[in-house]
Amino acid sequence: MIERSPIARQPLAWKPVGAVAVGAALMLLLTINRYDYHRDELYFRMVGANPKWGYVDQPPFTPLMVRLCIDIFGDTVWAIRIPGLLFVAGAAILLALVAREAGGGALAQTLAAAGVWTTFPLVAGHITLTSAPDLVMWLLVILCLMRALLQDRPRYFLLAGLFAGLALYNKHLVILLLLTFAAGLLIAGPRRVLLSKWLWAGAAIAVVVGLPNLLYQIANDFPQISMASALAENKGDDARITLVPLQLLWLGPFFVPVWVAGIVTLLRRPELRPVRALAVAYPLMLVLLFVVAGQPYYSFGLLAALFAVGAVPTARWVARGGARPWLLGAGVVVNCGVALVSSLPVLPIDVVGRTPIPAMNQGISDEIGWPRYVAQVKAVYDDLPAEDKPQTVLLAGNYGEAGSLDRYGKPLGLPDVYSGQNELWYLGPPPESATVVVLVSQGDPTRSPAFGSCVEKAKLDNGYGVDNEEQKARVFVCRDRKGTWAELWPSLQHFD
């Protein structure tokens, strides 16, 4: 298919790479139970209890993984975070393998693996999100593409297709990688690869493996298109403004020269010409994300691979001696140290609110205050007349509030909680017997067409001085429902 690459792969540096991977996993383990659930984890906990081939806002893998962890290890914060540290450790090894494919030795592989000690991987590994499994799947696809092209082993296209198909069950973002890589081949070559039967066979495998997920989308009128449209409308401007700046921060500012070197190396080194499409794919991906108002982190899997490639020329630069090893070492320590403090809950919870960390990392702020918020809602419920309580339900404005009330409210004797956001709307409306609603909302329900009366009873406060979405929420008691729940429920649906 192509001329065999002259690149000789070095042995995998198992000891230093393994130390980096285990160290990252250990750090995640040490902080696994600090603070509290993230709002997305509370959401996955709820929707995962209703197994489906897909959900309105995402494929099934992460919610079902959360439910499986709960079933095996128990309904705790640490239980659902175990997969994250395993994904991050796996990503460290995969980054080292990408550097190895590009000709990197022990130092390059170790530096590449250290990419997981940066902001985005640490956040994705600490909080159970779709990002960590997506990173692993993207790196697997990229590694297979590199082996197919650099080592002239086209059968790896089949494996790339398998991983791409499996990735569709976590997020559909891998399509973005495949499209921009194909465009990169058209622009930078080798174009004849696009005629390879192995490449098309791999594409067919991806379609077949991901077919059930696609059929779910078709059968349900492509709900994720509706979700993407809602995200673009609600967060599109912010996504476009922060797209480029966040590319400079995901791996840390000291690592920017490394991934830039990866792009330059792919474009300039003759032995890497078969995969220079990866370098072209990255700016194409950024342009596409800007046009569709995609979230800035969508490109991270490819950015991480470029960093791993850039570790190879960086290691050669260090090998020239002098002060270079010290400069690299200092840069890695500072870069990774800042990432640790800003990405993981290492500071005491009553201190972090007095630092800029919650403003820098929304993941931290969204882990704080849930038990206190639930206790404040319970105080409102407890003040209701005894005769009202059997007809009372909880209604939450967003899935974080709903998830926290479901997790912490039931042991306290609170009634069932409902929400119109995303997949929670599909769980159905309250029973028609529910005539009293304890509503948690950031809006003004006094103008709601659903209730004749809504009286504010409390304002939520986490007590730690951490500004998050719930700090703006109020608790209301609403009565005089204007219609049946079946009639009102469609008006309460919202995507965000």
Protein backbone atom coordinates (compact mmCIF):
# COMPACT_ATOMS: atom_id res chain seq x y z
CA MET A 1 0.00 0.00 0.00
CA ILE A 2 2.77 2.45 0.96
CA GLU A 3 6.53 2.24 1.22
CA ARG A 4 7.61 0.78 4.51
CA SER A 5 8.57 3.46 7.00
CA PRO A 6 12.24 3.57 8.01
CA ILE A 7 11.20 4.29 11.59
CA ALA A 8 12.43 1.57 13.92
CA ARG A 9 10.25 1.24 16.97
CA GLN A 10 12.12 1.34 20.25
CA PRO A 11 11.23 -1.07 23.08
CA LEU A 12 8.43 0.12 25.28
CA ALA A 13 9.89 1.73 28.40
CA TRP A 14 7.67 -0.20 30.77
CA LYS A 15 9.28 0.89 34.03
CA PRO A 16 9.20 4.70 33.68
CA VAL A 17 5.95 4.69 31.70
CA GLY A 18 4.38 2.33 34.20
CA ALA A 19 5.55 4.54 37.05
CA VAL A 20 3.90 7.57 35.45
CA ALA A 21 0.66 5.64 34.85
CA VAL A 22 0.55 4.12 38.34
CA GLY A 23 1.43 7.46 39.90
CA ALA A 24 -1.46 9.18 38.15
CA ALA A 25 -3.84 6.41 39.18
CA LEU A 26 -2.60 6.61 42.77
CA MET A 27 -3.11 10.37 42.90
CA LEU A 28 -6.65 9.92 41.61
CA LEU A 29 -7.20 7.20 44.19
CA LEU A 30 -6.01 9.44 47.03
CA THR A 31 -8.51 12.14 46.06
CA ILE A 32 -11.32 9.83 44.93
CA ASN A 33 -13.57 10.40 47.92
CA ARG A 34 -12.93 14.09 48.60
CA TYR A 35 -15.64 16.71 48.32
CA ASP A 36 -18.74 15.06 46.85
CA TYR A 37 -20.41 13.85 43.69
CA HIS A 38 -20.13 15.96 40.58
CA ARG A 39 -23.48 17.02 39.12
CA ASP A 40 -22.92 14.81 36.04
CA GLU A 41 -22.23 11.80 38.25
CA LEU A 42 -25.51 12.35 40.06
CA TYR A 43 -27.24 12.52 36.69
CA PHE A 44 -25.61 9.34 35.38
CA ARG A 45 -26.59 7.61 38.60
CA MET A 46 -30.25 8.38 37.92
CA VAL A 47 -30.49 7.70 34.19
CA GLY A 48 -28.25 4.63 34.36
CA ALA A 49 -30.91 2.95 36.49
CA ASN A 50 -33.03 2.87 33.32
CA PRO A 51 -30.87 0.86 30.84
CA LYS A 52 -31.34 1.85 27.20
CA TRP A 53 -29.43 1.70 23.92
CA GLY A 54 -29.08 5.43 24.11
CA TYR A 55 -30.21 8.59 25.86
CA VAL A 56 -31.28 11.95 24.57
CA ASP A 57 -27.95 13.58 25.37
CA GLN A 58 -25.49 10.72 24.93
CA PRO A 59 -24.96 7.05 24.11
CA PRO A 60 -25.35 4.47 26.89
CA PHE A 61 -21.82 3.55 27.95
CA THR A 62 -21.06 6.00 30.77
CA PRO A 63 -24.49 5.91 32.51
CA LEU A 64 -24.51 2.10 32.38
CA MET A 65 -20.91 1.95 33.61
CA VAL A 66 -21.90 4.09 36.60
CA ARG A 67 -24.85 1.81 37.34
CA LEU A 68 -22.63 -1.27 37.09
CA CYS A 69 -20.11 0.21 39.54
CA ILE A 70 -22.93 0.97 41.99
CA ASP A 71 -24.28 -2.56 41.70
CA ILE A 72 -20.84 -4.06 42.33
CA PHE A 73 -19.25 -1.70 44.87
CA GLY A 74 -22.18 0.15 46.41
CA ASP A 75 -23.85 3.53 46.08
CA THR A 76 -20.86 5.71 46.97
CA VAL A 77 -18.76 8.43 45.38
CA TRP A 78 -15.61 6.32 45.22
CA ALA A 79 -17.41 3.37 43.64
CA ILE A 80 -18.37 5.22 40.48
CA ARG A 81 -14.94 6.85 40.17
CA ILE A 82 -12.91 3.66 39.98
CA PRO A 83 -13.11 3.43 36.15
CA GLY A 84 -11.73 6.95 35.77
CA LEU A 85 -8.36 6.18 37.31
CA LEU A 86 -8.09 3.05 35.16
CA PHE A 87 -8.84 5.01 31.99
CA VAL A 88 -6.21 7.62 32.86
CA ALA A 89 -3.59 4.95 33.54
CA GLY A 90 -4.48 3.34 30.22
CA ALA A 91 -4.23 6.69 28.45
CA ALA A 92 -0.70 7.16 29.82
CA ILE A 93 0.39 3.87 28.28
CA LEU A 94 -1.32 4.67 24.98
CA LEU A 95 0.39 8.06 24.80
CA ALA A 96 3.72 6.31 25.31
CA LEU A 97 2.85 3.89 22.49
CA VAL A 98 2.01 6.79 20.17
CA ALA A 99 5.42 8.33 20.92
CA ARG A 100 6.99 4.92 20.26
CA GLU A 101 5.30 4.73 16.85
CA ALA A 102 6.83 8.11 16.03
CA GLY A 103 10.30 6.77 16.85
CA GLY A 104 10.51 7.81 20.49
CA GLY A 105 12.72 6.07 23.02
CA ALA A 106 12.39 5.85 26.79
CA LEU A 107 12.54 9.59 27.49
CA ALA A 108 10.04 10.48 24.77
CA GLN A 109 7.67 7.74 25.89
CA THR A 110 7.88 8.83 29.51
CA LEU A 111 7.28 12.48 28.62
CA ALA A 112 4.32 11.47 26.46
CA ALA A 113 2.84 9.43 29.31
CA ALA A 114 3.21 12.47 31.59
CA GLY A 115 0.54 14.10 29.48
CA VAL A 116 -2.04 12.55 31.80
CA TRP A 117 -0.66 14.63 34.67
CA THR A 118 -2.29 17.69 33.14
CA THR A 119 -5.56 19.54 33.59
CA PHE A 120 -7.95 17.80 31.24
CA PRO A 121 -6.95 14.17 31.92
CA LEU A 122 -6.90 14.70 35.69
CA VAL A 123 -10.37 16.24 35.69
CA ALA A 124 -11.67 13.51 33.37
CA GLY A 125 -10.10 10.83 35.57
CA HIS A 126 -11.33 12.24 38.86
CA ILE A 127 -14.94 12.88 37.82
CA THR A 128 -16.85 10.13 36.06
CA LEU A 129 -17.51 11.81 32.73
CA THR A 130 -17.65 10.64 29.14
CA SER A 131 -14.28 12.31 28.54
CA ALA A 132 -11.95 9.66 30.01
CA PRO A 133 -13.25 6.68 28.01
CA ASP A 134 -13.42 8.90 24.93
CA LEU A 135 -9.75 9.82 25.35
CA VAL A 136 -8.77 6.16 25.52
CA MET A 137 -10.84 5.24 22.47
CA TRP A 138 -9.47 8.13 20.39
CA LEU A 139 -5.90 7.19 21.27
CA LEU A 140 -6.59 3.57 20.34
CA VAL A 141 -7.96 4.65 16.95
CA ILE A 142 -5.02 6.99 16.33
CA LEU A 143 -2.49 4.35 17.38
CA CYS A 144 -4.03 1.83 14.96
CA LEU A 145 -4.01 4.39 12.13
CA MET A 146 -0.34 5.13 12.80
CA ARG A 147 0.58 1.46 12.80
CA ALA A 148 -1.36 0.85 9.60
CA LEU A 149 0.41 3.69 7.81
CA LEU A 150 3.87 3.87 9.36
CA GLN A 151 4.49 0.14 9.57
CA ASP A 152 2.64 -0.72 6.34
CA ARG A 153 0.29 -3.02 8.21
CA PRO A 154 -3.09 -2.15 6.70
CA ARG A 155 -4.93 -4.75 8.73
CA TYR A 156 -4.74 -2.28 11.61
CA PHE A 157 -7.45 -0.32 9.80
CA LEU A 158 -9.79 -3.12 10.82
CA LEU A 159 -8.87 -2.67 14.45
CA ALA A 160 -9.23 1.11 14.11
CA GLY A 161 -12.74 0.53 12.79
CA LEU A 162 -13.57 -1.74 15.70
CA PHE A 163 -12.45 0.83 18.26
CA ALA A 164 -14.27 3.62 16.41
CA GLY A 165 -17.48 1.58 16.44
CA LEU A 166 -17.13 0.89 20.15
CA ALA A 167 -16.40 4.58 20.80
CA LEU A 168 -19.83 5.43 19.39
CA TYR A 169 -21.40 3.90 22.49
CA ASN A 170 -19.72 6.53 24.65
CA LYS A 171 -19.81 9.63 22.45
CA HIS A 172 -20.27 10.26 18.76
CA LEU A 173 -17.25 12.57 18.73
CA VAL A 174 -15.00 9.93 17.15
CA ILE A 175 -16.78 10.76 13.89
CA LEU A 176 -15.14 14.18 14.14
CA LEU A 177 -11.73 12.50 14.29
CA LEU A 178 -12.44 10.22 11.34
CA LEU A 179 -13.81 13.00 9.14
CA THR A 180 -10.93 15.40 9.77
CA PHE A 181 -8.34 12.63 9.34
CA ALA A 182 -9.90 11.67 6.01
CA ALA A 183 -9.82 15.34 4.99
CA GLY A 184 -6.19 15.45 6.08
CA LEU A 185 -5.41 12.53 3.79
CA LEU A 186 -7.06 14.35 0.90
CA ILE A 187 -5.06 17.50 1.58
CA ALA A 188 -1.68 16.14 2.68
CA GLY A 189 -1.75 12.54 1.49
CA PRO A 190 -1.02 9.80 0.97
CA ARG A 191 -4.30 9.99 -1.01
CA ARG A 192 -4.03 6.44 -2.33
CA VAL A 193 -4.75 5.21 1.19
CA LEU A 194 -8.34 6.32 0.65
CA LEU A 195 -8.63 3.59 -1.99
CA SER A 196 -7.40 0.85 0.33
CA LYS A 197 -9.81 -2.05 0.76
CA TRP A 198 -8.57 -2.40 4.33
CA LEU A 199 -9.49 1.20 5.13
CA TRP A 200 -13.02 0.75 3.79
CA ALA A 201 -13.35 -2.59 5.53
CA GLY A 202 -12.44 -0.83 8.78
CA ALA A 203 -15.07 1.82 8.08
CA ALA A 204 -17.63 -0.94 7.50
CA ILE A 205 -16.70 -2.56 10.82
CA ALA A 206 -17.22 0.77 12.59
CA VAL A 207 -20.69 1.10 11.07
CA VAL A 208 -21.70 -2.48 11.89
CA VAL A 209 -20.42 -2.32 15.47
CA GLY A 210 -22.09 1.03 16.09
CA LEU A 211 -25.31 0.14 14.24
CA PRO A 212 -27.53 -0.45 17.31
CA ASN A 213 -26.66 3.01 18.55
CA LEU A 214 -27.41 4.49 15.12
CA LEU A 215 -30.73 2.64 14.95
CA TYR A 216 -31.68 4.06 18.33
CA GLN A 217 -31.04 7.56 17.02
CA ILE A 218 -33.12 6.92 13.91
CA ALA A 219 -35.97 5.37 15.86
CA ASN A 220 -36.07 8.34 18.24
CA ASP A 221 -35.79 11.12 15.63
CA PHE A 222 -32.08 11.76 16.30
CA PRO A 223 -32.37 13.18 19.83
CA GLN A 224 -28.67 14.00 20.02
CA ILE A 225 -29.08 16.41 17.12
CA SER A 226 -31.68 18.23 19.21
CA MET A 227 -29.29 18.14 22.15
CA ALA A 228 -26.41 19.48 20.07
CA SER A 229 -28.60 22.29 18.78
CA ALA A 230 -29.58 23.22 22.32
CA LEU A 231 -25.94 23.26 23.43
CA ALA A 232 -24.98 25.42 20.46
CA GLU A 233 -27.78 27.85 21.28
CA ASN A 234 -27.10 28.00 25.02
CA LYS A 235 -23.30 27.77 25.09
CA GLY A 236 -22.23 28.36 21.50
CA ASP A 237 -20.84 31.87 21.97
CA ASP A 238 -18.80 30.86 25.01
CA ALA A 239 -17.54 27.77 23.17
CA ARG A 240 -16.30 29.85 20.24
CA ILE A 241 -14.64 32.45 22.46
CA THR A 242 -12.79 29.89 24.57
CA LEU A 243 -11.98 27.40 21.80
CA VAL A 244 -8.39 28.51 21.12
CA PRO A 245 -7.43 29.69 24.65
CA LEU A 246 -8.45 26.35 26.15
CA GLN A 247 -6.33 24.46 23.64
CA LEU A 248 -3.38 26.19 25.32
CA LEU A 249 -4.53 25.21 28.81
CA TRP A 250 -5.73 21.59 28.54
CA LEU A 251 -2.16 20.26 28.69
CA GLY A 252 -0.75 23.29 30.45
CA PRO A 253 1.21 26.24 29.03
CA PHE A 254 4.62 24.59 29.52
CA PHE A 255 3.57 21.70 27.28
CA VAL A 256 2.35 23.90 24.41
CA PRO A 257 5.80 23.88 22.71
CA VAL A 258 5.77 20.09 22.86
CA TRP A 259 2.52 19.58 20.96
CA VAL A 260 3.40 22.38 18.55
CA ALA A 261 6.65 20.46 17.91
CA GLY A 262 4.47 17.43 17.24
CA ILE A 263 2.59 19.25 14.48
CA VAL A 264 5.80 20.58 12.94
CA THR A 265 7.48 17.17 13.12
CA LEU A 266 4.59 15.45 11.37
CA LEU A 267 4.69 18.02 8.57
CA ARG A 268 8.46 18.15 8.10
CA ARG A 269 9.98 14.74 8.83
CA PRO A 270 9.98 12.51 5.73
CA GLU A 271 9.61 9.28 7.69
CA LEU A 272 6.37 10.58 9.24
CA ARG A 273 4.81 11.65 5.93
CA PRO A 274 2.33 8.73 5.95
CA VAL A 275 0.63 10.19 9.04
CA ARG A 276 1.02 13.91 8.52
CA ALA A 277 -2.74 13.96 7.96
CA LEU A 278 -2.97 13.98 11.78
CA ALA A 279 -1.28 17.40 11.82
CA VAL A 280 -3.67 18.71 9.19
CA ALA A 281 -6.68 17.21 10.96
CA TYR A 282 -6.15 19.29 14.09
CA PRO A 283 -6.67 22.79 12.60
CA LEU A 284 -9.50 21.38 10.48
CA MET A 285 -11.11 20.09 13.67
CA LEU A 286 -10.81 23.50 15.34
CA VAL A 287 -12.41 25.20 12.34
CA LEU A 288 -15.24 22.68 12.34
CA LEU A 289 -15.79 23.10 16.08
CA PHE A 290 -15.91 26.86 15.65
CA VAL A 291 -18.49 26.58 12.88
CA VAL A 292 -20.79 24.18 14.75
CA ALA A 293 -20.13 25.77 18.17
CA GLY A 294 -18.76 22.50 19.54
CA GLN A 295 -17.25 22.36 23.00
CA PRO A 296 -13.50 23.15 23.16
CA TYR A 297 -12.60 19.84 24.80
CA TYR A 298 -13.88 17.84 21.82
CA SER A 299 -10.44 18.10 20.19
CA PHE A 300 -8.44 16.91 23.18
CA GLY A 301 -7.90 13.30 22.05
CA LEU A 302 -6.12 14.45 18.91
CA LEU A 303 -4.27 17.19 20.80
CA ALA A 304 -2.95 14.59 23.25
CA ALA A 305 -1.70 12.43 20.36
CA LEU A 306 0.11 15.43 18.86
CA PHE A 307 1.70 16.02 22.26
CA ALA A 308 2.91 12.41 22.29
CA VAL A 309 4.45 12.85 18.83
CA GLY A 310 6.04 16.11 19.96
CA ALA A 311 7.69 14.30 22.85
CA VAL A 312 10.03 12.67 20.32
CA PRO A 313 11.78 15.85 19.05
CA THR A 314 11.65 17.21 22.60
CA ALA A 315 13.63 14.20 23.83
CA ARG A 316 16.18 14.75 21.05
CA TRP A 317 16.47 18.40 22.09
CA VAL A 318 17.08 17.36 25.70
CA ALA A 319 19.71 14.83 24.62
CA ARG A 320 21.94 17.68 23.45
CA GLY A 321 22.77 18.24 27.09
CA GLY A 322 23.63 21.42 28.88
CA ALA A 323 20.79 22.98 30.83
CA ARG A 324 18.12 21.36 28.64
CA PRO A 325 17.34 18.42 30.98
CA TRP A 326 16.93 20.81 33.88
CA LEU A 327 14.67 23.09 31.85
CA LEU A 328 12.49 20.18 30.81
CA GLY A 329 12.36 18.80 34.33
CA ALA A 330 11.41 22.17 35.83
CA GLY A 331 8.75 22.70 33.17
CA VAL A 332 7.21 19.29 33.79
CA VAL A 333 7.18 19.75 37.57
CA VAL A 334 5.62 23.23 37.44
CA ASN A 335 3.15 22.31 34.71
CA CYS A 336 1.96 19.13 36.42
CA GLY A 337 2.02 20.67 39.90
CA VAL A 338 -0.30 23.50 38.90
CA ALA A 339 -2.57 20.99 37.16
CA LEU A 340 -2.78 18.83 40.30
CA VAL A 341 -3.80 21.69 42.57
CA SER A 342 -6.29 23.20 40.14
CA SER A 343 -7.81 19.95 38.83
CA LEU A 344 -8.14 17.70 41.88
CA PRO A 345 -9.77 18.32 45.29
CA VAL A 346 -6.49 18.54 47.19
CA LEU A 347 -7.32 21.64 49.24
CA PRO A 348 -9.63 21.47 52.27
CA ILE A 349 -13.22 22.09 51.26
CA ASP A 350 -13.55 25.08 53.60
CA VAL A 351 -10.46 26.68 52.02
CA VAL A 352 -11.01 26.18 48.30
CA GLY A 353 -13.76 28.81 48.16
CA ARG A 354 -11.20 31.48 49.05
CA THR A 355 -9.02 30.58 46.07
CA PRO A 356 -9.50 31.14 42.32
CA ILE A 357 -9.70 27.37 41.73
CA PRO A 358 -13.53 27.08 41.56
CA ALA A 359 -13.59 29.84 38.95
CA MET A 360 -10.83 28.12 36.99
CA ASN A 361 -12.32 24.64 37.21
CA GLN A 362 -16.08 24.26 37.20
CA GLY A 363 -15.62 20.59 37.99
CA ILE A 364 -14.45 21.53 41.48
CA SER A 365 -17.32 23.93 42.18
CA ASP A 366 -19.88 21.38 40.98
CA GLU A 367 -18.69 18.86 43.59
CA ILE A 368 -19.46 21.05 46.55
CA GLY A 369 -22.58 21.50 48.67
CA TRP A 370 -25.02 18.76 47.66
CA PRO A 371 -25.81 17.37 51.14
CA ARG A 372 -26.34 20.90 52.47
CA TYR A 373 -28.59 21.81 49.56
CA VAL A 374 -30.69 18.71 50.15
CA ALA A 375 -30.94 19.49 53.87
CA GLN A 376 -32.25 22.95 53.02
CA VAL A 377 -34.89 21.47 50.72
CA LYS A 378 -35.84 19.00 53.46
CA ALA A 379 -36.39 21.88 55.89
CA VAL A 380 -38.94 23.34 53.46
CA TYR A 381 -40.63 19.96 53.08
CA ASP A 382 -40.73 19.43 56.85
CA ASP A 383 -42.56 22.74 57.29
CA LEU A 384 -45.45 21.60 55.09
CA PRO A 385 -48.72 20.71 56.83
CA ALA A 386 -48.95 17.00 57.54
CA GLU A 387 -51.99 16.61 55.31
CA ASP A 388 -50.05 17.99 52.31
CA LYS A 389 -47.09 15.65 52.48
CA PRO A 390 -48.72 12.56 50.91
CA GLN A 391 -49.60 14.71 47.84
CA THR A 392 -46.16 16.36 47.57
CA VAL A 393 -43.39 15.74 45.04
CA LEU A 394 -40.07 17.42 44.37
CA LEU A 395 -39.42 19.16 41.05
CA ALA A 396 -35.86 20.17 40.16
CA GLY A 397 -34.81 22.71 37.59
CA ASN A 398 -31.65 20.85 36.57
CA TYR A 399 -30.26 17.35 36.70
CA GLY A 400 -27.68 18.14 39.39
CA GLU A 401 -30.39 19.18 41.81
CA ALA A 402 -32.54 16.22 40.80
CA GLY A 403 -29.66 13.80 41.21
CA SER A 404 -28.70 15.11 44.64
CA LEU A 405 -32.29 14.96 45.88
CA ASP A 406 -32.59 11.42 44.57
CA ARG A 407 -29.30 10.36 46.20
CA TYR A 408 -29.52 12.13 49.55
CA GLY A 409 -33.23 12.89 49.86
CA LYS A 410 -34.69 9.41 49.95
CA PRO A 411 -32.76 8.33 53.09
CA LEU A 412 -34.08 11.51 54.73
CA GLY A 413 -37.68 10.68 53.87
CA LEU A 414 -38.13 13.13 51.02
CA PRO A 415 -40.62 12.22 48.27
CA ASP A 416 -39.73 11.33 44.68
CA VAL A 417 -38.00 13.92 42.53
CA TYR A 418 -38.75 14.82 38.92
CA SER A 419 -37.09 17.06 36.37
CA GLY A 420 -37.72 18.16 32.81
CA GLN A 421 -34.05 18.41 31.86
CA ASN A 422 -32.53 16.13 29.22
CA GLU A 423 -33.11 12.40 29.80
CA LEU A 424 -34.88 12.94 33.12
CA TRP A 425 -37.90 14.29 31.26
CA TYR A 426 -38.31 10.87 29.63
CA LEU A 427 -38.62 9.23 33.03
CA GLY A 428 -42.09 10.72 33.09
CA PRO A 429 -44.18 13.27 34.98
CA PRO A 430 -45.28 13.08 38.62
CA PRO A 431 -48.47 11.17 39.43
CA GLU A 432 -51.74 13.05 39.01
CA SER A 433 -52.26 12.78 42.77
CA ALA A 434 -49.35 15.20 43.32
CA THR A 435 -50.99 18.55 44.05
CA VAL A 436 -48.18 20.17 46.04
CA VAL A 437 -44.72 20.74 44.57
CA VAL A 438 -41.51 21.64 46.35
CA LEU A 439 -39.68 23.30 43.45
CA VAL A 440 -35.95 24.01 43.22
CA SER A 441 -35.34 26.56 40.49
CA GLN A 442 -32.96 29.27 39.29
CA GLY A 443 -35.86 30.98 37.53
CA ASP A 444 -39.00 32.78 38.64
CA PRO A 445 -41.83 30.23 38.86
CA THR A 446 -44.30 32.89 39.99
CA ARG A 447 -44.82 33.56 36.28
CA SER A 448 -45.04 29.87 35.41
CA PRO A 449 -48.07 28.73 33.42
CA ALA A 450 -47.98 25.44 35.34
CA PHE A 451 -48.96 26.68 38.82
CA GLY A 452 -51.35 29.23 40.19
CA SER A 453 -49.28 29.88 43.29
CA CYS A 454 -45.55 29.61 44.06
CA VAL A 455 -44.16 30.96 47.32
CA GLU A 456 -40.42 31.26 47.96
CA LYS A 457 -39.35 29.43 51.12
CA ALA A 458 -35.54 29.27 51.02
CA LYS A 459 -32.36 30.17 49.14
CA LEU A 460 -29.75 27.49 48.68
CA ASP A 461 -26.31 28.09 50.15
CA ASN A 462 -23.47 25.58 50.31
CA GLY A 463 -21.86 27.43 53.22
CA TYR A 464 -18.36 27.22 51.72
CA GLY A 465 -18.38 30.41 49.68
CA VAL A 466 -18.09 28.43 46.45
CA ASP A 467 -20.07 29.90 43.60
CA ASN A 468 -21.87 27.27 41.57
CA GLU A 469 -25.19 26.99 39.78
CA GLU A 470 -27.07 26.06 42.94
CA GLN A 471 -25.99 29.20 44.78
CA LYS A 472 -28.48 30.99 42.56
CA ALA A 473 -31.31 28.56 43.22
CA ARG A 474 -34.36 29.12 45.39
CA VAL A 475 -36.86 26.70 46.90
CA PHE A 476 -40.57 27.28 46.34
CA VAL A 477 -43.77 25.61 47.39
CA CYS A 478 -46.15 25.58 44.43
CA ARG A 479 -49.86 24.77 44.41
CA ASP A 480 -52.94 25.14 42.21
CA ARG A 481 -51.66 23.15 39.28
CA LYS A 482 -53.09 24.48 35.99
CA GLY A 483 -53.97 21.24 34.24
CA THR A 484 -53.04 17.61 34.50
CA TRP A 485 -49.40 16.56 34.71
CA ALA A 486 -49.78 14.87 31.33
CA GLU A 487 -50.81 18.22 29.84
CA LEU A 488 -48.15 20.25 31.63
CA TRP A 489 -45.16 17.91 31.24
CA PRO A 490 -44.29 18.81 27.61
CA SER A 491 -43.93 22.47 28.58
CA LEU A 492 -41.37 21.55 31.28
CA GLN A 493 -38.96 19.78 28.91
CA HIS A 494 -35.64 21.49 28.28
CA PHE A 495 -32.21 20.52 26.96
CA ASP A 496 -29.00 21.93 28.39
